[in-house]
PDB file of N, CA and C in Angstrom:
ATOM      1  N   MET A   1    -177.783  43.923 181.766  1.00  0.00           N
ATOM      2  CA  MET A   1    -176.954  44.211 180.619  1.00  0.00           C
ATOM      3  C   MET A   1    -176.783  42.941 179.798  1.00  0.00           C
ATOM      4  N   LYS A   2    -176.566  43.120 178.524  1.00  0.00           N
ATOM      5  CA  LYS A   2    -176.306  41.988 177.635  1.00  0.00           C
ATOM      6  C   LYS A   2    -174.804  41.751 177.578  1.00  0.00           C
ATOM      7  N   LEU A   3    -174.376  40.524 177.852  1.00  0.00           N
ATOM      8  CA  LEU A   3    -172.974  40.158 177.768  1.00  0.00           C
ATOM      9  C   LEU A   3    -172.772  39.311 176.514  1.00  0.00           C
ATOM     10  N   GLU A   4    -171.928  39.816 175.624  1.00  0.00           N
ATOM     11  CA  GLU A   4    -171.597  39.065 174.411  1.00  0.00           C
ATOM     12  C   GLU A   4    -170.717  37.880 174.801  1.00  0.00           C
ATOM     13  N   ILE A   5    -171.042  36.728 174.245  1.00  0.00           N
ATOM     14  CA  ILE A   5    -170.323  35.504 174.567  1.00  0.00           C
ATOM     15  C   ILE A   5    -170.160  34.699 173.279  1.00  0.00           C
ATOM     16  N   ILE A   6    -169.016  34.062 173.120  1.00  0.00           N
ATOM     17  CA  ILE A   6    -168.771  33.226 171.944  1.00  0.00           C
ATOM     18  C   ILE A   6    -169.239  31.818 172.271  1.00  0.00           C
ATOM     19  N   GLN A   7    -170.120  31.288 171.434  1.00  0.00           N
ATOM     20  CA  GLN A   7    -170.591  29.924 171.642  1.00  0.00           C
ATOM     21  C   GLN A   7    -169.934  29.024 170.596  1.00  0.00           C
ATOM     22  N   TYR A   8    -169.260  27.990 171.073  1.00  0.00           N
ATOM     23  CA  TYR A   8    -168.658  27.008 170.176  1.00  0.00           C
ATOM     24  C   TYR A   8    -169.691  25.914 169.920  1.00  0.00           C
ATOM     25  N   MET A   9    -169.967  25.667 168.643  1.00  0.00           N
ATOM     26  CA  MET A   9    -171.027  24.748 168.259  1.00  0.00           C
ATOM     27  C   MET A   9    -170.484  23.357 167.934  1.00  0.00           C
ATOM     28  N   MET A  10    -171.274  22.340 168.279  1.00  0.00           N
ATOM     29  CA  MET A  10    -170.951  20.961 167.909  1.00  0.00           C
ATOM     30  C   MET A  10    -171.288  20.770 166.440  1.00  0.00           C
ATOM     31  N   PRO A  11    -170.673  19.908 165.723  1.00  0.00           N
ATOM     32  CA  PRO A  11    -169.561  19.053 166.156  1.00  0.00           C
ATOM     33  C   PRO A  11    -168.189  19.636 165.804  1.00  0.00           C
ATOM     34  N   ASP A  12    -168.165  20.761 165.111  1.00  0.00           N
ATOM     35  CA  ASP A  12    -166.895  21.252 164.569  1.00  0.00           C
ATOM     36  C   ASP A  12    -166.290  22.434 165.318  1.00  0.00           C
ATOM     37  N   GLY A  13    -166.952  22.923 166.347  1.00  0.00           N
ATOM     38  CA  GLY A  13    -166.409  24.016 167.143  1.00  0.00           C
ATOM     39  C   GLY A  13    -166.486  25.382 166.488  1.00  0.00           C
ATOM     40  N   ARG A  14    -167.355  25.519 165.476  1.00  0.00           N
ATOM     41  CA  ARG A  14    -167.456  26.840 164.842  1.00  0.00           C
ATOM     42  C   ARG A  14    -167.981  27.850 165.855  1.00  0.00           C
ATOM     43  N   LYS A  15    -167.511  29.086 165.721  1.00  0.00           N
ATOM     44  CA  LYS A  15    -167.869  30.149 166.659  1.00  0.00           C
ATOM     45  C   LYS A  15    -169.146  30.856 166.212  1.00  0.00           C
ATOM     46  N   VAL A  16    -170.062  31.029 167.157  1.00  0.00           N
ATOM     47  CA  VAL A  16    -171.315  31.729 166.902  1.00  0.00           C
ATOM     48  C   VAL A  16    -171.491  32.776 167.998  1.00  0.00           C
ATOM     49  N   PRO A  17    -171.704  34.036 167.627  1.00  0.00           N
ATOM     50  CA  PRO A  17    -171.933  35.046 168.665  1.00  0.00           C
ATOM     51  C   PRO A  17    -173.260  34.800 169.382  1.00  0.00           C
ATOM     52  N   ASN A  18    -173.261  35.002 170.667  1.00  0.00           N
ATOM     53  CA  ASN A  18    -174.461  34.822 171.471  1.00  0.00           C
ATOM     54  C   ASN A  18    -174.405  35.861 172.589  1.00  0.00           C
ATOM     55  N   SER A  19    -175.432  35.946 173.395  1.00  0.00           N
ATOM     56  CA  SER A  19    -175.411  36.863 174.535  1.00  0.00           C
ATOM     57  C   SER A  19    -176.303  36.320 175.637  1.00  0.00           C
ATOM     58  N   LEU A  20    -175.972  36.725 176.845  1.00  0.00           N
ATOM     59  CA  LEU A  20    -176.784  36.403 178.015  1.00  0.00           C
ATOM     60  C   LEU A  20    -177.015  37.695 178.786  1.00  0.00           C
ATOM     61  N   THR A  21    -178.161  37.816 179.406  1.00  0.00           N
ATOM     62  CA  THR A  21    -178.473  38.992 180.207  1.00  0.00           C
ATOM     63  C   THR A  21    -178.029  38.746 181.638  1.00  0.00           C
ATOM     64  N   ILE A  22    -177.199  39.664 182.133  1.00  0.00           N
ATOM     65  CA  ILE A  22    -176.685  39.576 183.502  1.00  0.00           C
ATOM     66  C   ILE A  22    -177.002  40.883 184.223  1.00  0.00           C
ATOM     67  N   PRO A  23    -176.925  40.900 185.551  1.00  0.00           N
ATOM     68  CA  PRO A  23    -177.216  42.129 186.296  1.00  0.00           C
ATOM     69  C   PRO A  23    -176.280  43.279 185.904  1.00  0.00           C
ATOM     70  N   ASP A  24    -176.841  44.473 185.836  1.00  0.00           N
ATOM     71  CA  ASP A  24    -176.073  45.662 185.463  1.00  0.00           C
ATOM     72  C   ASP A  24    -174.897  45.919 186.387  1.00  0.00           C
ATOM     73  N   GLU A  25    -175.019  45.555 187.659  1.00  0.00           N
ATOM     74  CA  GLU A  25    -173.940  45.849 188.604  1.00  0.00           C
ATOM     75  C   GLU A  25    -172.649  45.082 188.298  1.00  0.00           C
ATOM     76  N   LEU A  26    -172.714  44.086 187.404  1.00  0.00           N
ATOM     77  CA  LEU A  26    -171.506  43.361 187.006  1.00  0.00           C
ATOM     78  C   LEU A  26    -170.792  44.039 185.839  1.00  0.00           C
ATOM     79  N   GLY A  27    -171.372  45.091 185.296  1.00  0.00           N
ATOM     80  CA  GLY A  27    -170.835  45.761 184.116  1.00  0.00           C
ATOM     81  C   GLY A  27    -169.405  46.240 184.271  1.00  0.00           C
ATOM     82  N   GLU A  28    -169.084  46.824 185.421  1.00  0.00           N
ATOM     83  CA  GLU A  28    -167.732  47.350 185.634  1.00  0.00           C
ATOM     84  C   GLU A  28    -166.699  46.221 185.646  1.00  0.00           C
ATOM     85  N   LYS A  29    -167.012  45.132 186.327  1.00  0.00           N
ATOM     86  CA  LYS A  29    -166.061  44.015 186.379  1.00  0.00           C
ATOM     87  C   LYS A  29    -165.934  43.356 185.014  1.00  0.00           C
ATOM     88  N   VAL A  30    -167.046  43.205 184.305  1.00  0.00           N
ATOM     89  CA  VAL A  30    -167.011  42.638 182.950  1.00  0.00           C
ATOM     90  C   VAL A  30    -166.122  43.496 182.051  1.00  0.00           C
ATOM     91  N   ALA A  31    -166.267  44.817 182.136  1.00  0.00           N
ATOM     92  CA  ALA A  31    -165.451  45.723 181.321  1.00  0.00           C
ATOM     93  C   ALA A  31    -163.967  45.537 181.634  1.00  0.00           C
ATOM     94  N   LYS A  32    -163.618  45.405 182.909  1.00  0.00           N
ATOM     95  CA  LYS A  32    -162.218  45.205 183.296  1.00  0.00           C
ATOM     96  C   LYS A  32    -161.684  43.869 182.779  1.00  0.00           C
ATOM     97  N   ILE A  33    -162.524  42.844 182.833  1.00  0.00           N
ATOM     98  CA  ILE A  33    -162.120  41.524 182.329  1.00  0.00           C
ATOM     99  C   ILE A  33    -161.838  41.617 180.827  1.00  0.00           C
ATOM    100  N   LYS A  34    -162.718  42.260 180.094  1.00  0.00           N
ATOM    101  CA  LYS A  34    -162.524  42.409 178.646  1.00  0.00           C
ATOM    102  C   LYS A  34    -161.318  43.289 178.322  1.00  0.00           C
ATOM    103  N   GLU A  35    -161.141  44.375 179.066  1.00  0.00           N
ATOM    104  CA  GLU A  35    -159.995  45.267 178.849  1.00  0.00           C
ATOM    105  C   GLU A  35    -158.673  44.549 179.078  1.00  0.00           C
ATOM    106  N   ALA A  36    -158.680  43.547 179.948  1.00  0.00           N
ATOM    107  CA  ALA A  36    -157.473  42.769 180.228  1.00  0.00           C
ATOM    108  C   ALA A  36    -157.195  41.741 179.127  1.00  0.00           C
ATOM    109  N   GLY A  37    -158.056  41.671 178.110  1.00  0.00           N
ATOM    110  CA  GLY A  37    -157.826  40.786 176.970  1.00  0.00           C
ATOM    111  C   GLY A  37    -158.515  39.445 177.033  1.00  0.00           C
ATOM    112  N   TYR A  38    -159.470  39.321 177.927  1.00  0.00           N
ATOM    113  CA  TYR A  38    -160.184  38.053 178.056  1.00  0.00           C
ATOM    114  C   TYR A  38    -161.511  38.100 177.299  1.00  0.00           C
ATOM    115  N   VAL A  39    -161.978  36.932 176.874  1.00  0.00           N
ATOM    116  CA  VAL A  39    -163.273  36.807 176.214  1.00  0.00           C
ATOM    117  C   VAL A  39    -164.113  35.776 176.968  1.00  0.00           C
ATOM    118  N   PHE A  40    -165.417  35.904 176.848  1.00  0.00           N
ATOM    119  CA  PHE A  40    -166.351  34.970 177.473  1.00  0.00           C
ATOM    120  C   PHE A  40    -166.802  33.966 176.416  1.00  0.00           C
ATOM    121  N   CYS A  41    -166.774  32.686 176.775  1.00  0.00           N
ATOM    122  CA  CYS A  41    -167.109  31.618 175.833  1.00  0.00           C
ATOM    123  C   CYS A  41    -168.004  30.583 176.503  1.00  0.00           C
ATOM    124  N   CYS A  42    -168.674  29.798 175.663  1.00  0.00           N
ATOM    125  CA  CYS A  42    -169.461  28.679 176.182  1.00  0.00           C
ATOM    126  C   CYS A  42    -169.552  27.600 175.118  1.00  0.00           C
ATOM    127  N   GLU A  43    -169.898  26.411 175.572  1.00  0.00           N
ATOM    128  CA  GLU A  43    -170.135  25.309 174.647  1.00  0.00           C
ATOM    129  C   GLU A  43    -170.965  24.238 175.337  1.00  0.00           C
ATOM    130  N   MET A  44    -171.723  23.526 174.532  1.00  0.00           N
ATOM    131  CA  MET A  44    -172.501  22.393 175.026  1.00  0.00           C
ATOM    132  C   MET A  44    -171.569  21.192 175.073  1.00  0.00           C
ATOM    133  N   LEU A  45    -171.552  20.505 176.189  1.00  0.00           N
ATOM    134  CA  LEU A  45    -170.753  19.294 176.325  1.00  0.00           C
ATOM    135  C   LEU A  45    -171.575  18.082 175.907  1.00  0.00           C
ATOM    136  N   GLN A  46    -170.929  17.000 175.601  1.00  0.00           N
ATOM    137  CA  GLN A  46    -171.642  15.796 175.173  1.00  0.00           C
ATOM    138  C   GLN A  46    -172.521  15.222 176.277  1.00  0.00           C
ATOM    139  N   THR A  47    -172.269  15.632 177.517  1.00  0.00           N
ATOM    140  CA  THR A  47    -173.100  15.183 178.633  1.00  0.00           C
ATOM    141  C   THR A  47    -174.426  15.946 178.692  1.00  0.00           C
ATOM    142  N   GLY A  48    -174.528  17.025 177.911  1.00  0.00           N
ATOM    143  CA  GLY A  48    -175.709  17.878 177.953  1.00  0.00           C
ATOM    144  C   GLY A  48    -175.520  19.091 178.847  1.00  0.00           C
ATOM    145  N   HIS A  49    -174.426  19.144 179.588  1.00  0.00           N
ATOM    146  CA  HIS A  49    -174.106  20.301 180.410  1.00  0.00           C
ATOM    147  C   HIS A  49    -173.560  21.425 179.529  1.00  0.00           C
ATOM    148  N   VAL A  50    -173.497  22.610 180.089  1.00  0.00           N
ATOM    149  CA  VAL A  50    -172.926  23.758 179.390  1.00  0.00           C
ATOM    150  C   VAL A  50    -171.660  24.180 180.122  1.00  0.00           C
ATOM    151  N   ALA A  51    -170.558  24.290 179.384  1.00  0.00           N
ATOM    152  CA  ALA A  51    -169.307  24.806 179.943  1.00  0.00           C
ATOM    153  C   ALA A  51    -169.226  26.283 179.599  1.00  0.00           C
ATOM    154  N   LEU A  52    -168.986  27.104 180.609  1.00  0.00           N
ATOM    155  CA  LEU A  52    -168.795  28.547 180.420  1.00  0.00           C
ATOM    156  C   LEU A  52    -167.399  28.866 180.897  1.00  0.00           C
ATOM    157  N   TYR A  53    -166.692  29.712 180.172  1.00  0.00           N
ATOM    158  CA  TYR A  53    -165.346  30.032 180.589  1.00  0.00           C
ATOM    159  C   TYR A  53    -164.901  31.406 180.127  1.00  0.00           C
ATOM    160  N   VAL A  54    -163.920  31.924 180.855  1.00  0.00           N
ATOM    161  CA  VAL A  54    -163.224  33.146 180.488  1.00  0.00           C
ATOM    162  C   VAL A  54    -161.912  32.669 179.889  1.00  0.00           C
ATOM    163  N   SER A  55    -161.603  33.127 178.699  1.00  0.00           N
ATOM    164  CA  SER A  55    -160.420  32.656 178.005  1.00  0.00           C
ATOM    165  C   SER A  55    -159.497  33.809 177.658  1.00  0.00           C
ATOM    166  N   ASP A  56    -158.199  33.556 177.781  1.00  0.00           N
ATOM    167  CA  ASP A  56    -157.192  34.509 177.340  1.00  0.00           C
ATOM    168  C   ASP A  56    -157.145  34.406 175.818  1.00  0.00           C
ATOM    169  N   ASP A  57    -157.584  35.438 175.138  1.00  0.00           N
ATOM    170  CA  ASP A  57    -157.733  35.408 173.683  1.00  0.00           C
ATOM    171  C   ASP A  57    -156.400  35.250 172.955  1.00  0.00           C
ATOM    172  N   VAL A  58    -155.307  35.661 173.572  1.00  0.00           N
ATOM    173  CA  VAL A  58    -154.001  35.581 172.927  1.00  0.00           C
ATOM    174  C   VAL A  58    -153.394  34.184 173.055  1.00  0.00           C
ATOM    175  N   ASN A  59    -153.371  33.657 174.270  1.00  0.00           N
ATOM    176  CA  ASN A  59    -152.733  32.364 174.529  1.00  0.00           C
ATOM    177  C   ASN A  59    -153.693  31.184 174.479  1.00  0.00           C
ATOM    178  N   GLY A  60    -154.983  31.448 174.458  1.00  0.00           N
ATOM    179  CA  GLY A  60    -155.967  30.372 174.425  1.00  0.00           C
ATOM    180  C   GLY A  60    -156.080  29.596 175.719  1.00  0.00           C
ATOM    181  N   VAL A  61    -155.725  30.220 176.831  1.00  0.00           N
ATOM    182  CA  VAL A  61    -155.803  29.569 178.141  1.00  0.00           C
ATOM    183  C   VAL A  61    -157.117  29.951 178.807  1.00  0.00           C
ATOM    184  N   ASP A  62    -157.863  28.951 179.236  1.00  0.00           N
ATOM    185  CA  ASP A  62    -159.101  29.210 179.967  1.00  0.00           C
ATOM    186  C   ASP A  62    -158.742  29.501 181.422  1.00  0.00           C
ATOM    187  N   VAL A  63    -159.106  30.694 181.890  1.00  0.00           N
ATOM    188  CA  VAL A  63    -158.692  31.134 183.225  1.00  0.00           C
ATOM    189  C   VAL A  63    -159.842  31.179 184.230  1.00  0.00           C
ATOM    190  N   GLY A  64    -161.017  30.842 183.799  1.00  0.00           N
ATOM    191  CA  GLY A  64    -162.179  30.750 184.675  1.00  0.00           C
ATOM    192  C   GLY A  64    -163.168  29.805 184.034  1.00  0.00           C
ATOM    193  N   THR A  65    -163.679  28.845 184.780  1.00  0.00           N
ATOM    194  CA  THR A  65    -164.578  27.843 184.200  1.00  0.00           C
ATOM    195  C   THR A  65    -165.715  27.530 185.154  1.00  0.00           C
ATOM    196  N   GLU A  66    -166.887  27.360 184.600  1.00  0.00           N
ATOM    197  CA  GLU A  66    -168.062  26.893 185.343  1.00  0.00           C
ATOM    198  C   GLU A  66    -168.793  25.880 184.471  1.00  0.00           C
ATOM    199  N   ILE A  67    -169.378  24.889 185.091  1.00  0.00           N
ATOM    200  CA  ILE A  67    -170.217  23.911 184.397  1.00  0.00           C
ATOM    201  C   ILE A  67    -171.646  24.119 184.881  1.00  0.00           C
ATOM    202  N   ALA A  68    -172.570  24.223 183.929  1.00  0.00           N
ATOM    203  CA  ALA A  68    -173.970  24.493 184.269  1.00  0.00           C
ATOM    204  C   ALA A  68    -174.879  23.407 183.713  1.00  0.00           C
ATOM    205  N   GLU A  69    -176.044  23.293 184.340  1.00  0.00           N
ATOM    206  CA  GLU A  69    -177.107  22.424 183.832  1.00  0.00           C
ATOM    207  C   GLU A  69    -177.778  23.159 182.675  1.00  0.00           C
ATOM    208  N   ASN A  70    -178.137  22.462 181.639  1.00  0.00           N
ATOM    209  CA  ASN A  70    -178.792  23.089 180.492  1.00  0.00           C
ATOM    210  C   ASN A  70    -180.314  23.021 180.661  1.00  0.00           C
ATOM    211  N   ARG A  71    -180.779  23.613 181.766  1.00  0.00           N
ATOM    212  CA  ARG A  71    -182.212  23.644 182.061  1.00  0.00           C
ATOM    213  C   ARG A  71    -182.455  24.714 183.119  1.00  0.00           C
ATOM    214  N   GLU A  72    -183.701  25.028 183.359  1.00  0.00           N
ATOM    215  CA  GLU A  72    -184.062  25.997 184.396  1.00  0.00           C
ATOM    216  C   GLU A  72    -183.864  25.355 185.760  1.00  0.00           C
ATOM    217  N   CYS A  73    -182.869  25.835 186.485  1.00  0.00           N
ATOM    218  CA  CYS A  73    -182.574  25.348 187.824  1.00  0.00           C
ATOM    219  C   CYS A  73    -181.614  26.336 188.473  1.00  0.00           C
ATOM    220  N   GLU A  74    -181.217  26.076 189.698  1.00  0.00           N
ATOM    221  CA  GLU A  74    -180.298  26.975 190.401  1.00  0.00           C
ATOM    222  C   GLU A  74    -178.964  27.112 189.665  1.00  0.00           C
ATOM    223  N   ASN A  75    -178.524  26.036 189.018  1.00  0.00           N
ATOM    224  CA  ASN A  75    -177.239  26.049 188.314  1.00  0.00           C
ATOM    225  C   ASN A  75    -177.422  26.187 186.802  1.00  0.00           C
ATOM    226  N   LYS A  76    -178.397  26.998 186.389  1.00  0.00           N
ATOM    227  CA  LYS A  76    -178.586  27.236 184.954  1.00  0.00           C
ATOM    228  C   LYS A  76    -177.433  28.095 184.424  1.00  0.00           C
ATOM    229  N   PRO A  77    -177.215  28.124 183.105  1.00  0.00           N
ATOM    230  CA  PRO A  77    -176.056  28.822 182.543  1.00  0.00           C
ATOM    231  C   PRO A  77    -175.880  30.272 182.979  1.00  0.00           C
ATOM    232  N   VAL A  78    -176.932  31.058 183.025  1.00  0.00           N
ATOM    233  CA  VAL A  78    -176.752  32.467 183.390  1.00  0.00           C
ATOM    234  C   VAL A  78    -176.292  32.604 184.840  1.00  0.00           C
ATOM    235  N   ASN A  79    -176.772  31.756 185.730  1.00  0.00           N
ATOM    236  CA  ASN A  79    -176.334  31.806 187.131  1.00  0.00           C
ATOM    237  C   ASN A  79    -174.864  31.391 187.260  1.00  0.00           C
ATOM    238  N   ALA A  80    -174.458  30.396 186.484  1.00  0.00           N
ATOM    239  CA  ALA A  80    -173.058  29.976 186.492  1.00  0.00           C
ATOM    240  C   ALA A  80    -172.167  31.087 185.951  1.00  0.00           C
ATOM    241  N   LEU A  81    -172.625  31.785 184.924  1.00  0.00           N
ATOM    242  CA  LEU A  81    -171.867  32.899 184.356  1.00  0.00           C
ATOM    243  C   LEU A  81    -171.714  34.024 185.378  1.00  0.00           C
ATOM    244  N   ILE A  82    -172.781  34.354 186.051  1.00  0.00           N
ATOM    245  CA  ILE A  82    -172.741  35.401 187.088  1.00  0.00           C
ATOM    246  C   ILE A  82    -171.756  35.011 188.194  1.00  0.00           C
ATOM    247  N   ARG A  83    -171.819  33.772 188.630  1.00  0.00           N
ATOM    248  CA  ARG A  83    -170.912  33.279 189.674  1.00  0.00           C
ATOM    249  C   ARG A  83    -169.456  33.376 189.204  1.00  0.00           C
ATOM    250  N   MET A  84    -169.213  32.992 187.949  1.00  0.00           N
ATOM    251  CA  MET A  84    -167.857  33.032 187.413  1.00  0.00           C
ATOM    252  C   MET A  84    -167.319  34.462 187.366  1.00  0.00           C
ATOM    253  N   ILE A  85    -168.142  35.406 186.970  1.00  0.00           N
ATOM    254  CA  ILE A  85    -167.727  36.811 186.916  1.00  0.00           C
ATOM    255  C   ILE A  85    -167.420  37.321 188.323  1.00  0.00           C
ATOM    256  N   LYS A  86    -168.308  37.060 189.255  1.00  0.00           N
ATOM    257  CA  LYS A  86    -168.109  37.528 190.632  1.00  0.00           C
ATOM    258  C   LYS A  86    -166.832  36.962 191.247  1.00  0.00           C
ATOM    259  N   GLU A  87    -166.508  35.711 190.934  1.00  0.00           N
ATOM    260  CA  GLU A  87    -165.360  35.047 191.550  1.00  0.00           C
ATOM    261  C   GLU A  87    -164.063  35.227 190.760  1.00  0.00           C
ATOM    262  N   PHE A  88    -164.127  35.869 189.595  1.00  0.00           N
ATOM    263  CA  PHE A  88    -162.940  36.003 188.745  1.00  0.00           C
ATOM    264  C   PHE A  88    -161.844  36.756 189.483  1.00  0.00           C
ATOM    265  N   ASP A  89    -160.647  36.193 189.476  1.00  0.00           N
ATOM    266  CA  ASP A  89    -159.498  36.770 190.172  1.00  0.00           C
ATOM    267  C   ASP A  89    -158.410  37.058 189.135  1.00  0.00           C
ATOM    268  N   PHE A  90    -158.074  38.334 188.949  1.00  0.00           N
ATOM    269  CA  PHE A  90    -157.108  38.735 187.937  1.00  0.00           C
ATOM    270  C   PHE A  90    -155.712  38.168 188.211  1.00  0.00           C
ATOM    271  N   ASP A  91    -155.288  38.168 189.456  1.00  0.00           N
ATOM    272  CA  ASP A  91    -153.959  37.638 189.790  1.00  0.00           C
ATOM    273  C   ASP A  91    -153.878  36.140 189.511  1.00  0.00           C
ATOM    274  N   GLU A  92    -154.915  35.434 189.876  1.00  0.00           N
ATOM    275  CA  GLU A  92    -154.969  33.996 189.628  1.00  0.00           C
ATOM    276  C   GLU A  92    -154.930  33.711 188.132  1.00  0.00           C
ATOM    277  N   ALA A  93    -155.644  34.513 187.354  1.00  0.00           N
ATOM    278  CA  ALA A  93    -155.670  34.343 185.899  1.00  0.00           C
ATOM    279  C   ALA A  93    -154.280  34.550 185.304  1.00  0.00           C
ATOM    280  N   LYS A  94    -153.577  35.583 185.756  1.00  0.00           N
ATOM    281  CA  LYS A  94    -152.214  35.847 185.262  1.00  0.00           C
ATOM    282  C   LYS A  94    -151.284  34.680 185.576  1.00  0.00           C
ATOM    283  N   GLU A  95    -151.407  34.124 186.776  1.00  0.00           N
ATOM    284  CA  GLU A  95    -150.593  32.975 187.163  1.00  0.00           C
ATOM    285  C   GLU A  95    -150.864  31.770 186.261  1.00  0.00           C
ATOM    286  N   MET A  96    -152.126  31.531 185.957  1.00  0.00           N
ATOM    287  CA  MET A  96    -152.499  30.412 185.093  1.00  0.00           C
ATOM    288  C   MET A  96    -151.886  30.587 183.708  1.00  0.00           C
ATOM    289  N   ILE A  97    -151.931  31.798 183.177  1.00  0.00           N
ATOM    290  CA  ILE A  97    -151.391  32.060 181.849  1.00  0.00           C
ATOM    291  C   ILE A  97    -149.881  31.848 181.850  1.00  0.00           C
ATOM    292  N   GLN A  98    -149.212  32.283 182.896  1.00  0.00           N
ATOM    293  CA  GLN A  98    -147.767  32.094 182.987  1.00  0.00           C
ATOM    294  C   GLN A  98    -147.411  30.600 183.034  1.00  0.00           C
ATOM    295  N   GLU A  99    -148.218  29.832 183.731  1.00  0.00           N
ATOM    296  CA  GLU A  99    -147.961  28.398 183.857  1.00  0.00           C
ATOM    297  C   GLU A  99    -148.326  27.630 182.589  1.00  0.00           C
ATOM    298  N   LEU A 100    -149.439  27.997 181.953  1.00  0.00           N
ATOM    299  CA  LEU A 100    -149.968  27.204 180.839  1.00  0.00           C
ATOM    300  C   LEU A 100    -149.783  27.842 179.464  1.00  0.00           C
ATOM    301  N   GLY A 101    -149.580  29.165 179.436  1.00  0.00           N
ATOM    302  CA  GLY A 101    -149.539  29.890 178.160  1.00  0.00           C
ATOM    303  C   GLY A 101    -148.267  29.767 177.400  1.00  0.00           C
TER     304      GLY A 101
END
């Protein structure tokens, strides 16, 4: 399945729509994450790594984060995104928003 993701571009952080292909079996969890008001985002860091995160669209709190290598390897961006989705914990995210939001 194609997962829509917001990519923040250097140097000004402008938002550009992007997508990554992830396994179909993650579709149900992705739908629940989006229904809960979260969005998927990414950006290139100055180190050359890619930061991927799930963000609370209302409060602007990042509630899930992964750092990936920007190359073909075990820790490439799509693998980091898949790992982040699989490990996403709704209760933990709510706690983070209460603390930081």
